[in-house]
Amino acid sequence: MSNGLRRILILLTAALAGSACATSEQWAEWRQHSTHFASNEHFTFSMRHRGANPIPRVSQRDVEKAKAETWWGDPIVVRPEQIFTN
């Protein structure tokens, strides 16, 4: 098998595997935005809270950035007293 054909098959397999992991609602939300994350801060926050049942660690700066940049995705719910100051 040629290298070009092998690369195409690998890319198609990866695309198929990746597309099977999202619900139709998640795809609809993803299509509404030009990027996966609103900013580097949004990416960092999301990576800090990935996985099942993450322990919320939210700063006042996170809240301010999320409002200003209108972050999207699954919300992290915390009580006001759980938000720490920077």
N, C-alpha and C. Protein backbone atom coordinates (compact mmCIF):
# COMPACT_ATOMS: atom_id res chain seq x y z
N MET A 1 0.86 -1.18 0.00
CA MET A 1 0.00 0.00 0.00
C MET A 1 0.90 1.24 0.00
N SER A 2 0.56 2.21 -0.82
CA SER A 2 1.39 3.41 -0.90
C SER A 2 1.20 4.28 0.34
N ASN A 3 2.19 5.12 0.58
CA ASN A 3 2.13 6.00 1.76
C ASN A 3 0.95 6.96 1.69
N GLY A 4 0.64 7.47 0.51
CA GLY A 4 -0.47 8.41 0.36
C GLY A 4 -1.80 7.77 0.71
N LEU A 5 -2.03 6.56 0.21
CA LEU A 5 -3.27 5.85 0.50
C LEU A 5 -3.36 5.50 1.98
N ARG A 6 -2.24 5.10 2.55
CA ARG A 6 -2.20 4.77 3.97
C ARG A 6 -2.57 5.99 4.82
N ARG A 7 -2.04 7.16 4.46
CA ARG A 7 -2.35 8.39 5.20
C ARG A 7 -3.83 8.73 5.11
N ILE A 8 -4.38 8.58 3.91
CA ILE A 8 -5.80 8.88 3.73
C ILE A 8 -6.65 7.95 4.58
N LEU A 9 -6.33 6.68 4.61
CA LEU A 9 -7.08 5.73 5.43
C LEU A 9 -6.98 6.05 6.92
N ILE A 10 -5.81 6.44 7.35
CA ILE A 10 -5.62 6.81 8.76
C ILE A 10 -6.45 8.04 9.11
N LEU A 11 -6.44 9.05 8.24
CA LEU A 11 -7.21 10.27 8.48
C LEU A 11 -8.71 9.98 8.48
N LEU A 12 -9.18 9.18 7.55
CA LEU A 12 -10.60 8.82 7.51
C LEU A 12 -11.01 8.04 8.75
N THR A 13 -10.17 7.12 9.19
CA THR A 13 -10.46 6.35 10.40
C THR A 13 -10.52 7.26 11.62
N ALA A 14 -9.58 8.19 11.73
CA ALA A 14 -9.56 9.13 12.85
C ALA A 14 -10.79 10.02 12.83
N ALA A 15 -11.19 10.49 11.66
CA ALA A 15 -12.37 11.35 11.55
C ALA A 15 -13.63 10.58 11.94
N LEU A 16 -13.74 9.35 11.49
CA LEU A 16 -14.90 8.53 11.83
C LEU A 16 -14.96 8.25 13.32
N ALA A 17 -13.83 7.90 13.90
CA ALA A 17 -13.79 7.61 15.34
C ALA A 17 -14.11 8.85 16.16
N GLY A 18 -13.61 10.00 15.75
CA GLY A 18 -13.86 11.24 16.48
C GLY A 18 -15.28 11.71 16.36
N SER A 19 -15.91 11.49 15.23
CA SER A 19 -17.28 11.96 15.04
C SER A 19 -18.28 11.13 15.81
N ALA A 20 -17.93 9.94 16.19
CA ALA A 20 -18.85 9.06 16.91
C ALA A 20 -18.93 9.38 18.40
N CYS A 21 -18.13 10.30 18.87
CA CYS A 21 -18.04 10.58 20.30
C CYS A 21 -18.93 11.72 20.77
N ALA A 22 -19.60 12.41 19.88
CA ALA A 22 -20.40 13.56 20.27
C ALA A 22 -21.87 13.33 19.96
N THR A 23 -22.72 13.90 20.79
CA THR A 23 -24.16 13.83 20.55
C THR A 23 -24.55 14.88 19.51
N SER A 24 -25.75 14.80 19.00
CA SER A 24 -26.20 15.78 18.02
C SER A 24 -26.26 17.19 18.64
N GLU A 25 -26.60 17.27 19.93
CA GLU A 25 -26.63 18.56 20.61
C GLU A 25 -25.21 19.14 20.73
N GLN A 26 -24.25 18.28 21.03
CA GLN A 26 -22.86 18.74 21.14
C GLN A 26 -22.34 19.21 19.78
N TRP A 27 -22.68 18.50 18.72
CA TRP A 27 -22.27 18.93 17.38
C TRP A 27 -22.91 20.26 17.03
N ALA A 28 -24.18 20.45 17.37
CA ALA A 28 -24.86 21.71 17.08
C ALA A 28 -24.18 22.87 17.81
N GLU A 29 -23.83 22.66 19.06
CA GLU A 29 -23.13 23.71 19.82
C GLU A 29 -21.76 23.98 19.22
N TRP A 30 -21.06 22.94 18.84
CA TRP A 30 -19.72 23.09 18.28
C TRP A 30 -19.77 23.88 16.98
N ARG A 31 -20.79 23.66 16.16
CA ARG A 31 -20.91 24.36 14.88
C ARG A 31 -21.19 25.85 15.06
N GLN A 32 -21.71 26.25 16.22
CA GLN A 32 -22.03 27.66 16.46
C GLN A 32 -20.79 28.51 16.71
N HIS A 33 -19.63 27.89 16.92
CA HIS A 33 -18.41 28.63 17.28
C HIS A 33 -17.31 28.35 16.26
N SER A 34 -16.48 29.35 16.03
CA SER A 34 -15.41 29.21 15.04
C SER A 34 -14.19 28.48 15.60
N THR A 35 -14.12 28.34 16.91
CA THR A 35 -13.01 27.63 17.55
C THR A 35 -13.57 26.71 18.64
N HIS A 36 -12.73 25.81 19.10
CA HIS A 36 -13.18 24.89 20.15
C HIS A 36 -13.27 25.59 21.50
N PHE A 37 -12.36 26.53 21.75
CA PHE A 37 -12.35 27.28 23.01
C PHE A 37 -12.35 28.77 22.71
N ALA A 38 -12.91 29.57 23.61
CA ALA A 38 -12.99 31.02 23.41
C ALA A 38 -11.62 31.69 23.54
N SER A 39 -10.75 31.12 24.37
CA SER A 39 -9.44 31.72 24.62
C SER A 39 -8.52 30.69 25.28
N ASN A 40 -7.29 31.09 25.53
CA ASN A 40 -6.36 30.21 26.26
C ASN A 40 -6.87 29.95 27.69
N GLU A 41 -7.46 30.97 28.30
CA GLU A 41 -8.00 30.81 29.65
C GLU A 41 -9.15 29.80 29.67
N HIS A 42 -9.99 29.84 28.65
CA HIS A 42 -11.10 28.89 28.52
C HIS A 42 -10.54 27.47 28.37
N PHE A 43 -9.51 27.31 27.55
CA PHE A 43 -8.86 26.01 27.37
C PHE A 43 -8.29 25.50 28.69
N THR A 44 -7.55 26.36 29.40
CA THR A 44 -6.93 25.96 30.66
C THR A 44 -7.99 25.56 31.68
N PHE A 45 -9.05 26.34 31.77
CA PHE A 45 -10.14 26.04 32.70
C PHE A 45 -10.78 24.69 32.34
N SER A 46 -11.04 24.48 31.07
CA SER A 46 -11.67 23.22 30.63
C SER A 46 -10.78 22.02 30.91
N MET A 47 -9.49 22.15 30.69
CA MET A 47 -8.57 21.03 30.95
C MET A 47 -8.48 20.73 32.44
N ARG A 48 -8.60 21.77 33.25
CA ARG A 48 -8.56 21.59 34.71
C ARG A 48 -9.81 20.86 35.20
N HIS A 49 -10.91 20.96 34.45
CA HIS A 49 -12.18 20.37 34.87
C HIS A 49 -12.66 19.26 33.94
N ARG A 50 -11.76 18.57 33.29
CA ARG A 50 -12.17 17.50 32.38
C ARG A 50 -12.37 16.19 33.15
N GLY A 51 -13.06 15.27 32.51
CA GLY A 51 -13.29 13.97 33.13
C GLY A 51 -14.60 13.92 33.88
N ALA A 52 -14.89 12.75 34.40
CA ALA A 52 -16.14 12.56 35.14
C ALA A 52 -16.01 13.13 36.55
N ASN A 53 -16.98 13.91 36.95
CA ASN A 53 -17.06 14.48 38.30
C ASN A 53 -15.78 15.21 38.74
N PRO A 54 -15.37 16.23 37.98
CA PRO A 54 -14.17 16.97 38.40
C PRO A 54 -14.44 17.77 39.67
N ILE A 55 -13.41 17.99 40.45
CA ILE A 55 -13.54 18.82 41.65
C ILE A 55 -13.47 20.28 41.19
N PRO A 56 -14.54 21.05 41.40
CA PRO A 56 -14.55 22.44 40.94
C PRO A 56 -13.47 23.27 41.60
N ARG A 57 -12.73 23.99 40.80
CA ARG A 57 -11.72 24.92 41.28
C ARG A 57 -11.87 26.18 40.44
N VAL A 58 -12.67 27.10 40.94
CA VAL A 58 -13.07 28.28 40.17
C VAL A 58 -12.62 29.54 40.89
N SER A 59 -11.91 30.39 40.16
CA SER A 59 -11.47 31.66 40.74
C SER A 59 -12.41 32.77 40.28
N GLN A 60 -12.34 33.90 40.96
CA GLN A 60 -13.13 35.06 40.56
C GLN A 60 -12.74 35.49 39.15
N ARG A 61 -11.46 35.37 38.82
CA ARG A 61 -10.98 35.72 37.48
C ARG A 61 -11.61 34.80 36.43
N ASP A 62 -11.76 33.51 36.75
CA ASP A 62 -12.41 32.57 35.83
C ASP A 62 -13.84 33.03 35.53
N VAL A 63 -14.55 33.42 36.56
CA VAL A 63 -15.94 33.87 36.40
C VAL A 63 -15.99 35.11 35.52
N GLU A 64 -15.10 36.07 35.78
CA GLU A 64 -15.07 37.30 35.00
C GLU A 64 -14.73 37.04 33.54
N LYS A 65 -13.73 36.17 33.30
CA LYS A 65 -13.33 35.84 31.93
C LYS A 65 -14.46 35.11 31.20
N ALA A 66 -15.13 34.19 31.88
CA ALA A 66 -16.21 33.43 31.27
C ALA A 66 -17.34 34.35 30.83
N LYS A 67 -17.66 35.33 31.64
CA LYS A 67 -18.72 36.29 31.29
C LYS A 67 -18.27 37.17 30.13
N ALA A 68 -17.05 37.69 30.21
CA ALA A 68 -16.56 38.60 29.18
C ALA A 68 -16.39 37.92 27.83
N GLU A 69 -15.93 36.68 27.83
CA GLU A 69 -15.66 35.96 26.58
C GLU A 69 -16.80 35.03 26.17
N THR A 70 -17.88 35.01 26.95
CA THR A 70 -19.03 34.15 26.73
C THR A 70 -18.62 32.71 26.41
N TRP A 71 -17.95 32.09 27.40
CA TRP A 71 -17.51 30.71 27.24
C TRP A 71 -18.71 29.82 27.00
N TRP A 72 -18.50 28.72 26.30
CA TRP A 72 -19.56 27.75 26.02
C TRP A 72 -19.14 26.38 26.51
N GLY A 73 -20.06 25.46 26.48
CA GLY A 73 -19.79 24.09 26.93
C GLY A 73 -20.57 23.78 28.18
N ASP A 74 -20.28 22.64 28.77
CA ASP A 74 -20.97 22.23 29.99
C ASP A 74 -20.55 23.13 31.15
N PRO A 75 -21.49 23.68 31.88
CA PRO A 75 -21.14 24.59 32.99
C PRO A 75 -20.56 23.84 34.19
N ILE A 76 -19.69 24.51 34.90
CA ILE A 76 -19.18 24.04 36.19
C ILE A 76 -19.97 24.82 37.24
N VAL A 77 -20.74 24.13 38.03
CA VAL A 77 -21.62 24.81 39.00
C VAL A 77 -20.95 24.81 40.37
N VAL A 78 -20.79 26.02 40.90
CA VAL A 78 -20.22 26.18 42.24
C VAL A 78 -21.06 27.18 43.00
N ARG A 79 -21.05 27.06 44.31
CA ARG A 79 -21.71 28.05 45.15
C ARG A 79 -20.79 29.27 45.28
N PRO A 80 -21.35 30.44 45.52
CA PRO A 80 -20.53 31.65 45.63
C PRO A 80 -19.38 31.52 46.63
N GLU A 81 -19.61 30.83 47.74
CA GLU A 81 -18.54 30.70 48.74
C GLU A 81 -17.41 29.78 48.29
N GLN A 82 -17.62 29.00 47.22
CA GLN A 82 -16.57 28.13 46.70
C GLN A 82 -15.63 28.86 45.74
N ILE A 83 -16.01 30.04 45.28
CA ILE A 83 -15.17 30.80 44.35
C ILE A 83 -14.06 31.48 45.14
N PHE A 84 -12.83 31.19 44.77
CA PHE A 84 -11.71 31.80 45.50
C PHE A 84 -11.22 33.05 44.77
N THR A 85 -10.61 33.95 45.51
CA THR A 85 -10.07 35.16 44.91
C THR A 85 -8.63 34.90 44.49
N ASN A 86 -8.20 35.65 43.49
CA ASN A 86 -6.86 35.43 42.92
C ASN A 86 -5.80 35.99 43.81
